[in-house]
Amino acid sequence: MRLRAYAAYIKITLKLTLRDRVVLFFNFLMPLLFFIAFGEGMGAETSPGAMSQVLSLVLMFGVLGTGFFGGGIRATMDREAGILRRFKVAPITPAPLLAASMITGWAVFLPSVVFFVLLARWRYGWDQPLNFVSLLIVVSAGVLAFRSMGLIIASVTNSMQESQIIAQLLYMPMLLLSGAAVPLHILPDWLQRVAQFLPATHFYLGTQGILVRHETAWDNRTALGAMLLAMAAGFWVSMKLFRWEKDEKVKPAAKLWLAGVM
């Protein structure tokens, strides 16, 4: 019965997510706009290497968006609307609610990976060999890692406005320091060292390994391990910081978990 209840909640969360225009924008529309803009601007139709780079960049946009904005804002909205308060009286812990958010984000984003790969082949004639299963594994690890970080944002903010600000403060540094938007080798040495601690860097390296160097997920196991570690740490901290109502205070002990992970 409990598993059936969790499955029902995941189904409801999925329906609500698909109705959220903000989530759909950052999941699908914004990556699509960037795909077209960079694909045309970088001459992807005549350069397979450029198309591989465009795919890596677009996947980075989508994974960061579904993590920080999809995970963070959706959970914040539920707490603002008093939805989470109703679960407080039920015999349920935060874990299945947080897991449902992560599974929903993964299920919603994965079809876009298929869409962009097909679009690259049909529109730009991209015919590079691709281990598609390995790509899905790396993307899945990235989605879950950033989704768990988005849930931390939801735990420490009280309103959509706050969550959007914090999401942007994390989104841009992750994007710029990952190597997707700005090559890492042109950054100062100390920034390159900082980038090695960011899950976004490992996600970009993983997708580059598969799309550009035609590697497998196993070849990129270091990047996968880093993202899975980020997922586990983010999920644990989001449970420690979880609040059923926005008036609840974050416990000092929970803040120590956040500081430790950072």
Protein backbone atom coordinates (compact mmCIF):
# COMPACT_ATOMS: atom_id res chain seq x y z
CA MET A 1 0.00 0.00 0.00
CA ARG A 2 2.81 2.40 0.86
CA LEU A 3 4.54 1.85 -2.49
CA ARG A 4 1.23 2.43 -4.24
CA ALA A 5 0.81 5.71 -2.37
CA TYR A 6 4.32 6.84 -3.35
CA ALA A 7 3.63 5.95 -6.99
CA ALA A 8 0.40 7.96 -6.86
CA TYR A 9 2.24 10.98 -5.45
CA ILE A 10 4.89 10.75 -8.17
CA LYS A 11 2.13 10.65 -10.79
CA ILE A 12 0.47 13.75 -9.31
CA THR A 13 3.81 15.58 -9.08
CA LEU A 14 4.50 14.76 -12.72
CA LYS A 15 1.14 16.18 -13.82
CA LEU A 16 1.67 19.38 -11.82
CA THR A 17 5.17 19.78 -13.24
CA LEU A 18 3.94 19.49 -16.82
CA ARG A 19 1.46 22.30 -16.11
CA ASP A 20 4.13 24.64 -14.72
CA ARG A 21 5.13 27.14 -17.41
CA VAL A 22 8.36 28.13 -15.63
CA VAL A 23 9.53 24.54 -15.49
CA LEU A 24 8.58 23.88 -19.10
CA PHE A 25 10.42 27.02 -20.22
CA PHE A 26 13.71 26.07 -18.54
CA ASN A 27 13.33 22.39 -19.44
CA PHE A 28 12.42 22.65 -23.11
CA LEU A 29 11.96 26.10 -24.63
CA MET A 30 15.16 27.80 -23.46
CA PRO A 31 17.43 24.85 -24.42
CA LEU A 32 15.67 24.68 -27.80
CA LEU A 33 16.25 28.40 -28.42
CA PHE A 34 19.93 28.02 -27.54
CA PHE A 35 20.17 24.90 -29.70
CA ILE A 36 18.92 26.75 -32.76
CA ALA A 37 20.94 29.90 -32.05
CA PHE A 38 24.25 28.11 -31.45
CA GLY A 39 23.60 25.53 -34.14
CA GLU A 40 23.14 28.21 -36.79
CA GLY A 41 25.78 30.55 -35.39
CA MET A 42 28.54 27.92 -35.08
CA GLY A 43 27.86 26.37 -38.47
CA ALA A 44 26.88 23.02 -37.02
CA GLU A 45 25.52 21.86 -40.37
CA THR A 46 29.04 21.76 -41.83
CA SER A 47 31.02 20.88 -38.69
CA PRO A 48 30.29 17.69 -36.70
CA GLY A 49 32.60 18.92 -33.94
CA ALA A 50 30.62 22.13 -33.59
CA MET A 51 27.39 20.15 -33.35
CA SER A 52 28.86 17.99 -30.57
CA GLN A 53 29.79 21.16 -28.70
CA VAL A 54 26.30 22.60 -29.21
CA LEU A 55 24.72 19.42 -27.84
CA SER A 56 26.94 19.51 -24.74
CA LEU A 57 26.09 23.15 -24.13
CA VAL A 58 22.35 22.68 -24.63
CA LEU A 59 22.27 19.67 -22.31
CA MET A 60 24.08 21.78 -19.71
CA PHE A 61 21.42 24.51 -20.01
CA GLY A 62 18.64 21.96 -19.64
CA VAL A 63 20.12 20.05 -16.70
CA LEU A 64 20.89 23.22 -14.75
CA GLY A 65 17.41 24.56 -15.51
CA THR A 66 15.51 21.46 -14.46
CA GLY A 67 17.64 21.19 -11.33
CA PHE A 68 17.70 24.71 -9.94
CA PHE A 69 14.45 26.07 -11.33
CA GLY A 70 12.43 22.89 -11.66
CA GLY A 71 13.41 21.40 -8.30
CA GLY A 72 13.80 24.61 -6.33
CA ILE A 73 10.81 26.61 -7.48
CA ARG A 74 8.32 23.73 -7.66
CA ALA A 75 8.90 22.68 -4.04
CA THR A 76 8.83 26.30 -2.87
CA MET A 77 5.48 26.82 -4.58
CA ASP A 78 4.05 23.73 -2.88
CA ARG A 79 5.09 25.00 0.54
CA GLU A 80 3.78 28.51 -0.18
CA ALA A 81 0.41 27.07 -1.26
CA GLY A 82 0.16 25.01 1.94
CA ILE A 83 0.33 21.69 0.07
CA LEU A 84 3.24 20.36 2.11
CA ARG A 85 1.46 21.28 5.36
CA ARG A 86 -1.26 18.75 4.55
CA PHE A 87 1.32 15.96 4.29
CA LYS A 88 2.68 16.90 7.71
CA VAL A 89 -0.22 15.18 9.48
CA ALA A 90 0.18 12.02 7.40
CA PRO A 91 2.51 9.16 8.37
CA ILE A 92 5.13 10.19 5.81
CA THR A 93 8.69 11.49 5.94
CA PRO A 94 10.28 14.09 3.63
CA ALA A 95 12.28 11.40 1.81
CA PRO A 96 9.52 10.13 -0.56
CA LEU A 97 8.41 13.69 -1.33
CA LEU A 98 11.97 14.68 -2.25
CA ALA A 99 12.51 11.45 -4.18
CA ALA A 100 9.30 12.09 -6.13
CA SER A 101 10.61 15.51 -7.15
CA MET A 102 13.88 14.02 -8.36
CA ILE A 103 12.18 11.21 -10.28
CA THR A 104 9.75 13.67 -11.85
CA GLY A 105 12.58 15.96 -12.98
CA TRP A 106 14.40 13.01 -14.51
CA ALA A 107 11.29 11.67 -16.28
CA VAL A 108 10.40 15.09 -17.71
CA PHE A 109 13.88 15.96 -18.95
CA LEU A 110 15.00 12.68 -20.50
CA PRO A 111 12.70 12.91 -23.59
CA SER A 112 14.36 16.23 -24.46
CA VAL A 113 17.71 14.42 -24.78
CA VAL A 114 16.19 12.14 -27.41
CA PHE A 115 14.62 15.16 -29.13
CA PHE A 116 17.89 17.13 -29.37
CA VAL A 117 19.88 14.17 -30.67
CA LEU A 118 17.25 13.49 -33.35
CA LEU A 119 17.12 17.19 -34.24
CA ALA A 120 20.92 17.26 -34.58
CA ARG A 121 20.75 14.35 -37.02
CA TRP A 122 17.75 15.49 -39.05
CA ARG A 123 18.37 19.24 -39.21
CA TYR A 124 22.17 19.40 -39.18
CA GLY A 125 23.13 16.00 -40.55
CA TRP A 126 25.13 15.10 -37.45
CA ASP A 127 26.27 11.55 -38.10
CA GLN A 128 28.86 11.01 -35.39
CA PRO A 129 28.92 7.60 -33.61
CA LEU A 130 27.07 7.83 -30.34
CA ASN A 131 26.74 5.50 -27.38
CA PHE A 132 23.23 6.67 -26.56
CA VAL A 133 22.85 4.55 -23.43
CA SER A 134 26.03 6.06 -21.99
CA LEU A 135 24.76 9.55 -22.80
CA LEU A 136 21.48 8.84 -20.98
CA ILE A 137 23.40 7.52 -17.96
CA VAL A 138 25.55 10.66 -17.71
CA VAL A 139 22.56 12.96 -18.26
CA SER A 140 20.53 11.05 -15.65
CA ALA A 141 23.31 11.46 -13.09
CA GLY A 142 23.47 15.18 -13.88
CA VAL A 143 19.72 15.69 -13.59
CA LEU A 144 19.57 13.92 -10.22
CA ALA A 145 22.61 15.80 -8.89
CA PHE A 146 21.28 19.25 -9.76
CA ARG A 147 17.73 18.34 -8.83
CA SER A 148 18.94 17.49 -5.31
CA MET A 149 20.74 20.84 -5.15
CA GLY A 150 17.55 22.56 -6.27
CA LEU A 151 15.73 20.92 -3.37
CA ILE A 152 18.22 22.54 -0.99
CA ILE A 153 17.23 25.91 -2.47
CA ALA A 154 13.58 25.07 -1.81
CA SER A 155 14.39 24.18 1.80
CA VAL A 156 16.07 27.48 2.69
CA THR A 157 13.77 29.91 0.84
CA ASN A 158 10.29 31.11 1.78
CA SER A 159 9.00 32.46 -1.54
CA MET A 160 9.30 32.01 -5.28
CA GLN A 161 11.14 35.32 -5.54
CA GLU A 162 13.81 34.18 -3.11
CA SER A 163 14.20 30.81 -4.81
CA GLN A 164 14.58 32.45 -8.23
CA ILE A 165 17.31 34.76 -6.94
CA ILE A 166 19.29 31.96 -5.29
CA ALA A 167 18.80 29.71 -8.32
CA GLN A 168 20.25 32.40 -10.57
CA LEU A 169 23.19 32.93 -8.20
CA LEU A 170 24.04 29.24 -8.56
CA TYR A 171 23.02 28.79 -12.20
CA MET A 172 25.38 31.36 -13.75
CA PRO A 173 28.60 30.39 -11.89
CA MET A 174 27.94 26.71 -12.57
CA LEU A 175 27.43 27.46 -16.26
CA LEU A 176 30.41 29.78 -16.65
CA LEU A 177 32.87 27.66 -14.68
CA SER A 178 31.82 24.30 -16.13
CA GLY A 179 33.75 24.76 -19.35
CA ALA A 180 30.59 24.71 -21.46
CA ALA A 181 30.29 28.48 -21.95
CA VAL A 182 33.92 29.54 -21.29
CA PRO A 183 36.90 27.21 -21.95
CA LEU A 184 38.49 26.25 -18.64
CA HIS A 185 42.05 26.68 -19.88
CA ILE A 186 41.65 30.45 -20.32
CA LEU A 187 40.56 30.92 -16.69
CA PRO A 188 43.02 31.77 -13.89
CA ASP A 189 44.60 28.76 -12.19
CA TRP A 190 42.66 29.27 -8.96
CA LEU A 191 39.35 29.34 -10.83
CA GLN A 192 40.27 26.16 -12.65
CA ARG A 193 40.84 24.50 -9.27
CA VAL A 194 37.48 25.75 -7.99
CA ALA A 195 35.79 24.38 -11.12
CA GLN A 196 37.00 20.86 -10.29
CA PHE A 197 34.70 20.89 -7.23
CA LEU A 198 31.58 21.81 -9.24
CA PRO A 199 29.22 19.05 -10.43
CA ALA A 200 28.60 21.11 -13.58
CA THR A 201 32.25 20.69 -14.62
CA HIS A 202 32.03 16.92 -14.29
CA PHE A 203 28.75 16.86 -16.20
CA TYR A 204 30.31 18.82 -19.06
CA LEU A 205 33.41 16.59 -19.10
CA GLY A 206 31.18 13.51 -19.17
CA THR A 207 29.06 14.71 -22.07
CA GLN A 208 32.17 15.85 -23.96
CA GLY A 209 33.74 12.44 -23.49
CA ILE A 210 30.71 10.72 -25.01
CA LEU A 211 29.80 13.21 -27.74
CA VAL A 212 33.27 14.32 -28.85
CA ARG A 213 35.64 11.47 -27.95
CA HIS A 214 33.00 8.72 -28.41
CA GLU A 215 33.68 7.23 -24.98
CA THR A 216 31.37 5.18 -22.76
CA ALA A 217 29.88 5.93 -19.36
CA TRP A 218 32.49 3.65 -17.80
CA ASP A 219 35.27 5.71 -19.38
CA ASN A 220 33.76 8.72 -17.58
CA ARG A 221 33.23 6.97 -14.26
CA THR A 222 35.11 9.71 -12.38
CA ALA A 223 32.63 12.33 -13.61
CA LEU A 224 29.75 9.97 -12.85
CA GLY A 225 31.05 9.35 -9.33
CA ALA A 226 31.36 13.08 -8.67
CA MET A 227 27.77 13.71 -9.77
CA LEU A 228 26.40 10.79 -7.76
CA LEU A 229 28.26 12.05 -4.71
CA ALA A 230 26.72 15.50 -5.25
CA MET A 231 23.29 13.87 -5.58
CA ALA A 232 23.68 11.94 -2.31
CA ALA A 233 24.97 14.98 -0.43
CA GLY A 234 22.26 17.25 -1.83
CA PHE A 235 19.49 14.78 -1.04
CA TRP A 236 20.75 14.29 2.53
CA VAL A 237 21.01 18.03 3.19
CA SER A 238 17.59 18.72 1.67
CA MET A 239 16.11 16.15 4.08
CA LYS A 240 17.87 17.80 7.01
CA LEU A 241 16.65 21.26 6.00
CA PHE A 242 13.16 20.20 4.89
CA ARG A 243 10.30 22.35 6.18
CA TRP A 244 6.61 21.53 5.91
CA GLU A 245 5.61 25.19 6.40
CA LYS A 246 7.40 28.42 5.52
CA ASP A 247 7.09 29.69 9.11
CA GLU A 248 9.21 26.82 10.41
CA LYS A 249 12.74 27.75 11.41
CA VAL A 250 15.75 25.93 10.02
CA LYS A 251 17.39 24.09 12.89
CA PRO A 252 21.00 25.07 13.74
CA ALA A 253 22.08 21.42 13.48
CA ALA A 254 20.65 21.29 9.97
CA LYS A 255 22.64 24.39 8.99
CA LEU A 256 25.82 22.56 10.01
CA TRP A 257 25.02 19.86 7.45
CA LEU A 258 24.69 22.54 4.77
CA ALA A 259 27.98 24.14 5.78
CA GLY A 260 29.69 20.76 5.77
CA VAL A 261 28.53 19.93 2.25
CA MET A 262 29.52 23.36 0.95
